[in-house]
Amino acid sequence: TSRMCGDSSNGLWLCVGSRLLKYEANHEPVPWAQLPTNAVPQVLFVDRAGSLWIGTTAHRLFHLTGHELEPVPVSHHYVNCLSEDREGNIWAGTSGGGLNLIQPSAVDLIGRDDGLPFESAASVAEDTNGELWAAGQSGTLSRRHQGKWELVDAADGWTWGAATCVAADRQGGIWVGARNRTLHFYRDGVWQSWQREDGLHNGAVHL
């Protein structure tokens, strides 16, 4: 399994199997660090400070310090997605342990006891108002409004079934992909949608 993401200096981080490599333009990739044996990388993420985080399918979460990958305690061994909010906190979505809030000095585990309507998170994003949006593996779409998690459903204008992923843009919009091969955009209480008839490719949408 291979994964990649950009770093803070316009280079690339590459995970090839359990090996972490750093690539810069016009240079050969440089071996940088090693994940535990049999660790399979699922997602690579670089925060605003330039730090690299690696979520895996069986060995939880790692944070790169120098040339060492330090394990970060989270609620489930399978980390699906990573995002950063405006306060510099890291959010890790897991496949069975809900959302984990990772702060500079603490890790908060967010699950059903905190109002999250699912335990398996597939995608998470923060909008320009500081609200978090999350899609569960089950297709449930939810957002954290005024400190409380609430479902996004037909009463909010969401009528397209199972959500696969969610992303935020810098203009205050939220983008949501769905399993029924549609893409949706939300801003200021209004939804806009695209489907195959509008030229969208044939398949579930993953952002």
Protein backbone atom coordinates (compact mmCIF):
# COMPACT_ATOMS: atom_id res chain seq x y z
CA THR A 1 0.00 0.00 0.00
CA SER A 2 1.31 3.46 -0.94
CA ARG A 3 0.13 6.87 0.26
CA MET A 4 1.43 10.41 -0.34
CA CYS A 5 0.86 14.03 0.65
CA GLY A 6 2.57 17.36 0.14
CA ASP A 7 4.90 18.75 2.80
CA SER A 8 5.35 22.36 3.92
CA SER A 9 8.29 22.96 1.54
CA ASN A 10 6.60 21.93 -1.72
CA GLY A 11 8.04 18.42 -1.51
CA LEU A 12 6.24 15.15 -0.92
CA TRP A 13 5.96 12.58 1.83
CA LEU A 14 5.61 9.03 0.53
CA CYS A 15 4.64 5.91 2.45
CA VAL A 16 5.55 2.78 0.53
CA GLY A 17 4.56 -0.20 2.62
CA SER A 18 5.97 0.55 6.06
CA ARG A 19 8.72 2.88 4.75
CA LEU A 20 8.40 6.67 4.96
CA LEU A 21 10.26 8.54 2.22
CA LYS A 22 10.78 12.26 1.63
CA TYR A 23 10.87 13.54 -1.94
CA GLU A 24 12.06 16.91 -3.21
CA ALA A 25 12.04 18.05 -6.83
CA ASN A 26 15.00 16.87 -8.90
CA HIS A 27 16.22 14.57 -6.12
CA GLU A 28 15.82 10.90 -5.38
CA PRO A 29 13.41 9.98 -2.54
CA VAL A 30 15.23 9.82 0.79
CA PRO A 31 14.38 7.10 3.36
CA TRP A 32 13.18 9.00 6.44
CA ALA A 33 11.52 6.72 8.98
CA GLN A 34 10.01 3.27 9.42
CA LEU A 35 6.52 2.28 10.54
CA PRO A 36 6.10 -0.87 12.65
CA THR A 37 6.29 -4.14 10.76
CA ASN A 38 3.05 -4.90 8.89
CA ALA A 39 1.69 -1.38 9.53
CA VAL A 40 -0.44 -0.32 6.54
CA PRO A 41 -0.72 3.47 6.01
CA GLN A 42 -4.24 4.70 5.36
CA VAL A 43 -3.88 8.50 5.41
CA LEU A 44 -1.00 11.02 5.50
CA PHE A 45 -1.65 14.57 6.71
CA VAL A 46 0.59 17.62 7.19
CA ASP A 47 -0.66 20.22 9.67
CA ARG A 48 -0.13 23.98 9.44
CA ALA A 49 3.05 23.72 11.51
CA GLY A 50 4.48 21.33 8.92
CA SER A 51 4.21 18.23 11.12
CA LEU A 52 3.36 14.91 9.51
CA TRP A 53 0.69 12.58 10.88
CA ILE A 54 0.11 9.03 9.62
CA GLY A 55 -3.06 7.05 10.23
CA THR A 56 -2.84 3.29 9.71
CA THR A 57 -5.28 0.41 9.34
CA ALA A 58 -4.03 -1.66 12.27
CA HIS A 59 -1.50 0.36 14.29
CA ARG A 60 -3.50 3.52 15.06
CA LEU A 61 -1.86 6.96 14.62
CA PHE A 62 1.72 8.21 14.39
CA HIS A 63 3.30 11.67 14.57
CA LEU A 64 6.67 12.36 12.97
CA THR A 65 9.28 13.98 15.24
CA GLY A 66 12.64 14.32 13.51
CA HIS A 67 13.22 10.89 12.04
CA GLU A 68 11.10 9.07 14.61
CA LEU A 69 7.44 8.09 14.30
CA GLU A 70 5.85 8.45 17.71
CA PRO A 71 2.61 6.54 18.40
CA VAL A 72 -0.36 8.71 19.40
CA PRO A 73 -3.08 7.05 21.53
CA VAL A 74 -6.47 6.98 19.85
CA SER A 75 -9.65 4.99 20.43
CA HIS A 76 -9.36 2.50 17.56
CA HIS A 77 -6.61 0.78 15.62
CA TYR A 78 -8.01 1.85 12.20
CA VAL A 79 -7.62 5.59 11.40
CA ASN A 80 -9.60 6.59 8.28
CA CYS A 81 -9.11 10.34 8.02
CA LEU A 82 -7.31 13.33 9.54
CA SER A 83 -8.07 17.06 9.62
CA GLU A 84 -6.97 20.19 11.51
CA ASP A 85 -9.17 22.92 12.96
CA ARG A 86 -8.43 26.65 13.28
CA GLU A 87 -7.02 26.18 16.80
CA GLY A 88 -4.40 23.72 15.58
CA ASN A 89 -6.14 20.66 16.99
CA ILE A 90 -5.99 17.41 14.99
CA TRP A 91 -9.17 15.40 14.42
CA ALA A 92 -8.79 11.69 13.65
CA GLY A 93 -11.75 9.71 12.30
CA THR A 94 -11.61 6.01 13.09
CA SER A 95 -13.32 2.88 11.83
CA GLY A 96 -15.06 1.91 15.05
CA GLY A 97 -13.93 4.35 17.74
CA GLY A 98 -15.62 7.58 16.65
CA LEU A 99 -13.73 10.86 16.32
CA ASN A 100 -10.60 11.64 18.34
CA LEU A 101 -9.61 15.22 19.21
CA ILE A 102 -5.84 15.53 19.53
CA GLN A 103 -4.69 18.71 21.23
CA PRO A 104 -1.12 19.84 21.94
CA SER A 105 -1.35 18.59 25.51
CA ALA A 106 -4.22 16.08 25.44
CA VAL A 107 -6.28 13.65 23.39
CA ASP A 108 -10.08 13.73 23.68
CA LEU A 109 -11.97 10.68 22.47
CA ILE A 110 -15.31 11.70 20.95
CA GLY A 111 -17.92 8.95 20.59
CA ARG A 112 -21.58 8.19 21.17
CA ASP A 113 -21.35 9.26 24.81
CA ASP A 114 -20.55 12.76 23.53
CA GLY A 115 -23.46 12.79 21.09
CA LEU A 116 -21.65 11.64 17.95
CA PRO A 117 -24.28 9.56 16.07
CA PHE A 118 -21.83 6.89 14.88
CA GLU A 119 -18.66 5.10 16.00
CA SER A 120 -17.02 4.68 12.59
CA ALA A 121 -15.97 8.01 11.01
CA ALA A 122 -15.03 8.09 7.30
CA SER A 123 -14.43 11.83 6.76
CA VAL A 124 -14.23 15.03 8.84
CA ALA A 125 -13.82 18.74 8.01
CA GLU A 126 -14.14 22.15 9.72
CA ASP A 127 -16.04 24.99 8.04
CA THR A 128 -15.16 28.69 8.20
CA ASN A 129 -17.49 29.16 11.20
CA GLY A 130 -15.49 26.64 13.20
CA GLU A 131 -18.18 23.95 13.01
CA LEU A 132 -17.13 20.38 12.36
CA TRP A 133 -18.83 18.16 9.78
CA ALA A 134 -18.40 14.39 9.74
CA ALA A 135 -19.52 11.49 7.56
CA GLY A 136 -19.79 8.06 9.16
CA GLN A 137 -18.98 4.77 7.49
CA SER A 138 -22.72 4.05 7.62
CA GLY A 139 -23.38 7.13 5.45
CA THR A 140 -24.69 9.29 8.30
CA LEU A 141 -23.94 13.00 7.90
CA SER A 142 -23.49 15.05 11.09
CA ARG A 143 -22.18 18.41 12.24
CA ARG A 144 -21.06 19.88 15.54
CA HIS A 145 -23.14 23.01 16.10
CA GLN A 146 -22.67 25.16 19.23
CA GLY A 147 -20.74 22.36 20.90
CA LYS A 148 -23.32 19.63 20.21
CA TRP A 149 -23.40 16.97 17.49
CA GLU A 150 -26.57 16.87 15.39
CA LEU A 151 -27.69 14.85 12.39
CA VAL A 152 -27.92 16.54 9.01
CA ASP A 153 -31.07 15.09 7.45
CA ALA A 154 -34.13 15.97 5.38
CA ALA A 155 -35.13 18.70 7.84
CA ASP A 156 -31.85 20.44 6.92
CA GLY A 157 -32.34 19.86 3.20
CA TRP A 158 -30.14 16.73 2.97
CA THR A 159 -32.21 14.18 1.02
CA TRP A 160 -29.56 12.25 -0.92
CA GLY A 161 -29.03 9.26 1.34
CA ALA A 162 -25.63 7.97 2.41
CA ALA A 163 -22.75 10.44 2.50
CA THR A 164 -19.26 9.16 1.69
CA CYS A 165 -17.08 12.19 2.47
CA VAL A 166 -17.14 15.85 3.46
CA ALA A 167 -14.77 18.79 2.77
CA ALA A 168 -14.81 22.54 3.44
CA ASP A 169 -13.66 25.38 1.20
CA ARG A 170 -12.32 28.82 2.19
CA GLN A 171 -15.47 30.68 1.09
CA GLY A 172 -17.71 29.06 3.71
CA GLY A 173 -18.96 26.18 1.60
CA ILE A 174 -19.25 22.49 2.45
CA TRP A 175 -18.86 19.77 -0.18
CA VAL A 176 -20.43 16.35 0.40
CA GLY A 177 -20.01 13.25 -1.74
CA ALA A 178 -22.68 10.56 -1.74
CA ARG A 179 -22.89 6.86 -2.53
CA ASN A 180 -25.64 7.46 -5.09
CA ARG A 181 -23.08 9.03 -7.44
CA THR A 182 -23.92 12.63 -6.61
CA LEU A 183 -21.96 15.64 -5.37
CA HIS A 184 -23.47 18.36 -3.17
CA PHE A 185 -22.52 21.88 -2.10
CA TYR A 186 -23.93 23.66 0.97
CA ARG A 187 -23.63 27.32 1.96
CA ASP A 188 -25.88 29.69 3.89
CA GLY A 189 -28.64 27.10 4.23
CA VAL A 190 -28.85 26.30 0.50
CA TRP A 191 -27.89 22.99 -1.18
CA GLN A 192 -26.73 22.63 -4.78
CA SER A 193 -26.28 19.20 -6.41
CA TRP A 194 -24.65 17.54 -9.41
CA GLN A 195 -25.23 14.05 -10.75
CA ARG A 196 -24.41 11.92 -13.80
CA GLU A 197 -26.78 13.92 -16.00
CA ASP A 198 -24.68 17.01 -15.20
CA GLY A 199 -21.45 15.32 -16.33
CA LEU A 200 -20.38 13.81 -13.01
CA HIS A 201 -18.44 10.57 -13.39
CA ASN A 202 -20.15 7.22 -12.90
CA GLY A 203 -19.35 6.12 -9.34
CA ALA A 204 -19.62 7.01 -5.66
CA VAL A 205 -17.98 10.38 -4.90
CA HIS A 206 -14.89 10.48 -2.66
CA LEU A 207 -13.25 13.86 -2.08
